[in-house]
Each structure stands twice: as C-alpha cells, then as structure tokens.
Amino acid sequence: MKGDGFPVLTLTVWKDLQSLYCFTYSGKHRQALRDRSKWMEPYQEKHLSYVVWWTEKLKDVSWAEASKRYNYYIQNGPTPFAFDFKQAFNEKGETCMVK
C-alpha cells in the first residue's frame, strides 16, 4: 500500500561522530539504508538528508534547532555550526575525517 508521502524524520543525540557514523553505516541500519527503495519513494530533486552539530546543551536538541541548522547548512554549506560526514568538524570547530 502506498503511503501519504510523509518524510522519515529522526532526531538523535550521540557522544561522538565515530559512534554515529558506525551506527549509520553498519548493521541493521546499513541494511535499511540499502533497502530504502523498497519502503521509501525517491525525492525528485537532490536534497540533504541529514545535518550534524555539536552541543553541550540538551536544550539545543529540538526540532526547531534541527530545522535552523538544516536551513543554515542549505544556505551556507558545511561549517562548524552545521555539517555532514563528508565535510565534518570536531568539537573545536576544526575539520576532521570520519570513517
């Protein structure tokens, strides 16, 4: 049965980039990403599917904050304020590689 076209949204908190990366690209989550065409329709246009940021304040983990960071990334590209795995930043704001 076809769905109503609602996006899949998640908001999670992780201690470090490596843990998030390992979860995302291994195990059952990796398999789900591989099989996503079975249960998700592709977007017509290219889009950013996630954004990452550092915070020490739990209050910064909200849908409002995530939306603000996502929109910032779309307008400005990756910066320490909002980034992805391809162009990541460590807690000090320095570029880093995540594998």
N, C-alpha and C. Protein backbone atom coordinates (compact mmCIF):
# COMPACT_ATOMS: atom_id res chain seq x y z
N MET A 1 0.84 -1.17 0.00
CA MET A 1 0.00 0.00 0.00
C MET A 1 0.89 1.24 0.00
N LYS A 2 0.56 2.20 -0.80
CA LYS A 2 1.31 3.45 -0.88
C LYS A 2 0.99 4.32 0.32
N GLY A 3 2.00 5.05 0.81
CA GLY A 3 1.81 5.98 1.92
C GLY A 3 1.35 7.33 1.43
N ASP A 4 1.27 8.25 2.36
CA ASP A 4 0.85 9.61 2.04
C ASP A 4 2.00 10.53 1.69
N GLY A 5 3.21 9.99 1.61
CA GLY A 5 4.35 10.80 1.22
C GLY A 5 4.97 11.60 2.35
N PHE A 6 4.77 11.19 3.58
CA PHE A 6 5.38 11.89 4.69
C PHE A 6 6.86 11.55 4.78
N PRO A 7 7.72 12.52 5.10
CA PRO A 7 9.15 12.22 5.23
C PRO A 7 9.44 11.41 6.49
N VAL A 8 10.54 10.71 6.46
CA VAL A 8 11.03 10.00 7.63
C VAL A 8 11.96 10.96 8.37
N LEU A 9 11.62 11.28 9.60
CA LEU A 9 12.41 12.22 10.38
C LEU A 9 12.86 11.58 11.68
N THR A 10 14.11 11.79 12.02
CA THR A 10 14.62 11.34 13.32
C THR A 10 15.50 12.43 13.90
N LEU A 11 15.58 12.45 15.20
CA LEU A 11 16.43 13.40 15.90
C LEU A 11 17.09 12.60 17.03
N THR A 12 18.41 12.45 16.96
CA THR A 12 19.11 11.63 17.94
C THR A 12 20.30 12.38 18.53
N VAL A 13 20.76 11.93 19.67
CA VAL A 13 21.91 12.51 20.35
C VAL A 13 22.99 11.44 20.46
N TRP A 14 24.22 11.81 20.10
CA TRP A 14 25.36 10.90 20.14
C TRP A 14 26.52 11.55 20.86
N LYS A 15 27.38 10.74 21.48
CA LYS A 15 28.54 11.26 22.19
C LYS A 15 29.63 11.75 21.26
N ASP A 16 29.77 11.08 20.10
CA ASP A 16 30.84 11.44 19.17
C ASP A 16 30.45 11.08 17.74
N LEU A 17 31.18 11.65 16.80
CA LEU A 17 30.90 11.41 15.38
C LEU A 17 31.14 9.97 14.98
N GLN A 18 32.18 9.37 15.53
CA GLN A 18 32.53 8.00 15.16
C GLN A 18 31.41 7.02 15.51
N SER A 19 30.82 7.18 16.69
CA SER A 19 29.71 6.31 17.09
C SER A 19 28.51 6.47 16.16
N LEU A 20 28.19 7.70 15.82
CA LEU A 20 27.08 7.96 14.90
C LEU A 20 27.37 7.37 13.53
N TYR A 21 28.58 7.58 13.04
CA TYR A 21 28.96 7.05 11.73
C TYR A 21 28.88 5.52 11.72
N CYS A 22 29.41 4.88 12.75
CA CYS A 22 29.38 3.42 12.82
C CYS A 22 27.95 2.89 12.84
N PHE A 23 27.08 3.53 13.62
CA PHE A 23 25.68 3.11 13.65
C PHE A 23 25.04 3.28 12.28
N THR A 24 25.28 4.42 11.65
CA THR A 24 24.64 4.74 10.38
C THR A 24 25.03 3.77 9.28
N TYR A 25 26.29 3.40 9.21
CA TYR A 25 26.78 2.62 8.08
C TYR A 25 27.19 1.20 8.44
N SER A 26 26.56 0.61 9.46
CA SER A 26 26.82 -0.79 9.77
C SER A 26 25.53 -1.45 10.28
N GLY A 27 25.56 -2.74 10.35
CA GLY A 27 24.47 -3.50 10.94
C GLY A 27 23.12 -3.33 10.25
N LYS A 28 22.08 -3.37 11.06
CA LYS A 28 20.72 -3.31 10.54
C LYS A 28 20.40 -1.97 9.91
N HIS A 29 20.97 -0.90 10.44
CA HIS A 29 20.70 0.42 9.86
C HIS A 29 21.28 0.50 8.45
N ARG A 30 22.47 -0.04 8.27
CA ARG A 30 23.08 -0.07 6.93
C ARG A 30 22.19 -0.83 5.96
N GLN A 31 21.67 -1.98 6.39
CA GLN A 31 20.79 -2.77 5.55
C GLN A 31 19.51 -1.99 5.22
N ALA A 32 18.98 -1.28 6.21
CA ALA A 32 17.78 -0.47 5.97
C ALA A 32 18.06 0.62 4.95
N LEU A 33 19.23 1.25 5.03
CA LEU A 33 19.60 2.26 4.04
C LEU A 33 19.70 1.65 2.65
N ARG A 34 20.30 0.47 2.58
CA ARG A 34 20.43 -0.22 1.30
C ARG A 34 19.07 -0.56 0.69
N ASP A 35 18.13 -0.94 1.55
CA ASP A 35 16.81 -1.37 1.08
C ASP A 35 15.77 -0.25 1.08
N ARG A 36 16.19 0.98 1.29
CA ARG A 36 15.21 2.06 1.44
C ARG A 36 14.30 2.24 0.24
N SER A 37 14.74 1.85 -0.95
CA SER A 37 13.89 1.99 -2.13
C SER A 37 12.66 1.07 -2.05
N LYS A 38 12.73 0.06 -1.18
CA LYS A 38 11.59 -0.84 -1.01
C LYS A 38 10.46 -0.20 -0.20
N TRP A 39 10.81 0.79 0.64
CA TRP A 39 9.79 1.39 1.51
C TRP A 39 9.76 2.91 1.49
N MET A 40 10.62 3.51 0.66
CA MET A 40 10.62 4.97 0.51
C MET A 40 10.63 5.33 -0.97
N GLU A 41 9.89 6.36 -1.31
CA GLU A 41 9.93 6.88 -2.67
C GLU A 41 11.10 7.84 -2.78
N PRO A 42 11.79 7.85 -3.92
CA PRO A 42 12.92 8.77 -4.07
C PRO A 42 12.43 10.22 -4.19
N TYR A 43 13.26 11.15 -3.72
CA TYR A 43 12.97 12.56 -3.89
C TYR A 43 13.21 12.93 -5.34
N GLN A 44 12.39 13.83 -5.84
CA GLN A 44 12.55 14.26 -7.23
C GLN A 44 13.82 15.10 -7.41
N GLU A 45 14.12 15.94 -6.44
CA GLU A 45 15.30 16.77 -6.54
C GLU A 45 16.33 16.34 -5.49
N LYS A 46 17.57 16.71 -5.75
CA LYS A 46 18.63 16.39 -4.79
C LYS A 46 18.39 17.17 -3.50
N HIS A 47 18.61 16.53 -2.38
CA HIS A 47 18.40 17.19 -1.10
C HIS A 47 19.40 16.66 -0.07
N LEU A 48 19.55 17.41 0.98
CA LEU A 48 20.38 17.00 2.11
C LEU A 48 19.54 16.13 3.02
N SER A 49 20.00 14.93 3.34
CA SER A 49 19.17 14.02 4.13
C SER A 49 19.45 14.09 5.63
N TYR A 50 20.51 14.77 6.05
CA TYR A 50 20.79 14.89 7.48
C TYR A 50 21.73 16.06 7.72
N VAL A 51 21.79 16.49 8.95
CA VAL A 51 22.72 17.52 9.38
C VAL A 51 23.19 17.17 10.79
N VAL A 52 24.44 17.50 11.09
CA VAL A 52 25.06 17.18 12.38
C VAL A 52 25.56 18.48 12.99
N TRP A 53 25.50 18.57 14.33
CA TRP A 53 26.11 19.70 15.01
C TRP A 53 26.53 19.27 16.42
N TRP A 54 27.46 20.01 16.96
CA TRP A 54 27.93 19.74 18.33
C TRP A 54 27.15 20.62 19.29
N THR A 55 26.88 20.10 20.46
CA THR A 55 26.25 20.88 21.51
C THR A 55 26.61 20.30 22.87
N GLU A 56 26.69 21.14 23.85
CA GLU A 56 26.84 20.68 25.23
C GLU A 56 25.52 20.84 25.97
N LYS A 57 24.57 21.52 25.35
CA LYS A 57 23.31 21.82 25.99
C LYS A 57 22.20 20.96 25.40
N LEU A 58 21.58 20.16 26.22
CA LEU A 58 20.49 19.31 25.76
C LEU A 58 19.34 20.12 25.17
N LYS A 59 19.17 21.36 25.61
CA LYS A 59 18.09 22.20 25.08
C LYS A 59 18.31 22.53 23.60
N ASP A 60 19.53 22.38 23.10
CA ASP A 60 19.81 22.61 21.68
C ASP A 60 19.39 21.43 20.81
N VAL A 61 18.88 20.38 21.43
CA VAL A 61 18.42 19.22 20.68
C VAL A 61 16.90 19.29 20.61
N SER A 62 16.43 19.94 19.56
CA SER A 62 15.00 20.11 19.36
C SER A 62 14.73 20.17 17.87
N TRP A 63 13.48 19.98 17.50
CA TRP A 63 13.13 20.08 16.08
C TRP A 63 13.37 21.50 15.58
N ALA A 64 13.11 22.50 16.40
CA ALA A 64 13.34 23.89 15.99
C ALA A 64 14.82 24.12 15.71
N GLU A 65 15.68 23.63 16.60
CA GLU A 65 17.12 23.79 16.42
C GLU A 65 17.60 23.01 15.20
N ALA A 66 17.10 21.79 15.03
CA ALA A 66 17.48 20.98 13.87
C ALA A 66 17.08 21.68 12.57
N SER A 67 15.90 22.24 12.53
CA SER A 67 15.43 22.96 11.34
C SER A 67 16.31 24.17 11.06
N LYS A 68 16.66 24.91 12.11
CA LYS A 68 17.54 26.08 11.96
C LYS A 68 18.90 25.66 11.41
N ARG A 69 19.46 24.60 11.93
CA ARG A 69 20.77 24.13 11.47
C ARG A 69 20.70 23.59 10.05
N TYR A 70 19.64 22.86 9.75
CA TYR A 70 19.45 22.32 8.40
C TYR A 70 19.38 23.48 7.38
N ASN A 71 18.55 24.45 7.66
CA ASN A 71 18.41 25.60 6.75
C ASN A 71 19.71 26.38 6.62
N TYR A 72 20.44 26.51 7.71
CA TYR A 72 21.74 27.18 7.67
C TYR A 72 22.69 26.42 6.74
N TYR A 73 22.72 25.10 6.87
CA TYR A 73 23.57 24.28 6.01
C TYR A 73 23.20 24.47 4.54
N ILE A 74 21.91 24.44 4.24
CA ILE A 74 21.45 24.62 2.86
C ILE A 74 21.92 25.95 2.29
N GLN A 75 21.86 27.00 3.09
CA GLN A 75 22.24 28.34 2.62
C GLN A 75 23.74 28.57 2.61
N ASN A 76 24.48 27.96 3.54
CA ASN A 76 25.90 28.29 3.71
C ASN A 76 26.88 27.15 3.48
N GLY A 77 26.37 25.95 3.31
CA GLY A 77 27.26 24.80 3.19
C GLY A 77 27.76 24.37 4.56
N PRO A 78 28.62 23.37 4.59
CA PRO A 78 29.10 22.85 5.87
C PRO A 78 30.02 23.83 6.60
N THR A 79 29.73 24.04 7.85
CA THR A 79 30.54 24.86 8.76
C THR A 79 30.48 24.18 10.12
N PRO A 80 31.24 24.63 11.10
CA PRO A 80 31.11 24.03 12.43
C PRO A 80 29.69 24.15 13.02
N PHE A 81 28.89 25.07 12.51
CA PHE A 81 27.52 25.26 13.00
C PHE A 81 26.60 24.12 12.55
N ALA A 82 26.83 23.60 11.34
CA ALA A 82 26.01 22.52 10.78
C ALA A 82 26.81 21.85 9.66
N PHE A 83 26.90 20.53 9.71
CA PHE A 83 27.76 19.84 8.75
C PHE A 83 27.26 18.43 8.51
N ASP A 84 28.00 17.69 7.67
CA ASP A 84 27.70 16.28 7.40
C ASP A 84 28.98 15.47 7.52
N PHE A 85 28.91 14.19 7.23
CA PHE A 85 30.10 13.35 7.34
C PHE A 85 31.16 13.67 6.28
N LYS A 86 30.74 14.13 5.12
CA LYS A 86 31.70 14.41 4.04
C LYS A 86 32.61 15.58 4.37
N GLN A 87 32.08 16.56 5.08
CA GLN A 87 32.86 17.72 5.49
C GLN A 87 32.56 17.96 6.97
N ALA A 88 33.16 17.15 7.81
CA ALA A 88 32.88 17.17 9.25
C ALA A 88 33.82 18.10 10.01
N PHE A 89 33.38 18.45 11.21
CA PHE A 89 34.15 19.30 12.11
C PHE A 89 34.16 18.65 13.49
N ASN A 90 35.28 18.77 14.19
CA ASN A 90 35.33 18.24 15.55
C ASN A 90 34.74 19.26 16.52
N GLU A 91 34.77 18.94 17.82
CA GLU A 91 34.18 19.81 18.83
C GLU A 91 34.82 21.19 18.90
N LYS A 92 36.06 21.30 18.43
CA LYS A 92 36.78 22.58 18.44
C LYS A 92 36.52 23.41 17.19
N GLY A 93 35.73 22.84 16.24
CA GLY A 93 35.45 23.58 15.01
C GLY A 93 36.47 23.35 13.92
N GLU A 94 37.36 22.38 14.11
CA GLU A 94 38.40 22.07 13.11
C GLU A 94 37.89 20.97 12.19
N THR A 95 38.24 21.02 10.93
CA THR A 95 37.82 19.97 10.00
C THR A 95 38.41 18.64 10.44
N CYS A 96 37.66 17.58 10.19
CA CYS A 96 38.14 16.24 10.56
C CYS A 96 37.54 15.22 9.59
N MET A 97 38.13 14.05 9.58
CA MET A 97 37.65 12.94 8.75
C MET A 97 36.92 11.93 9.66
N VAL A 98 35.81 11.42 9.15
CA VAL A 98 35.07 10.41 9.89
C VAL A 98 35.02 9.15 9.03
N LYS A 99 35.47 8.03 9.59
CA LYS A 99 35.46 6.76 8.86
C LYS A 99 34.99 5.66 9.75
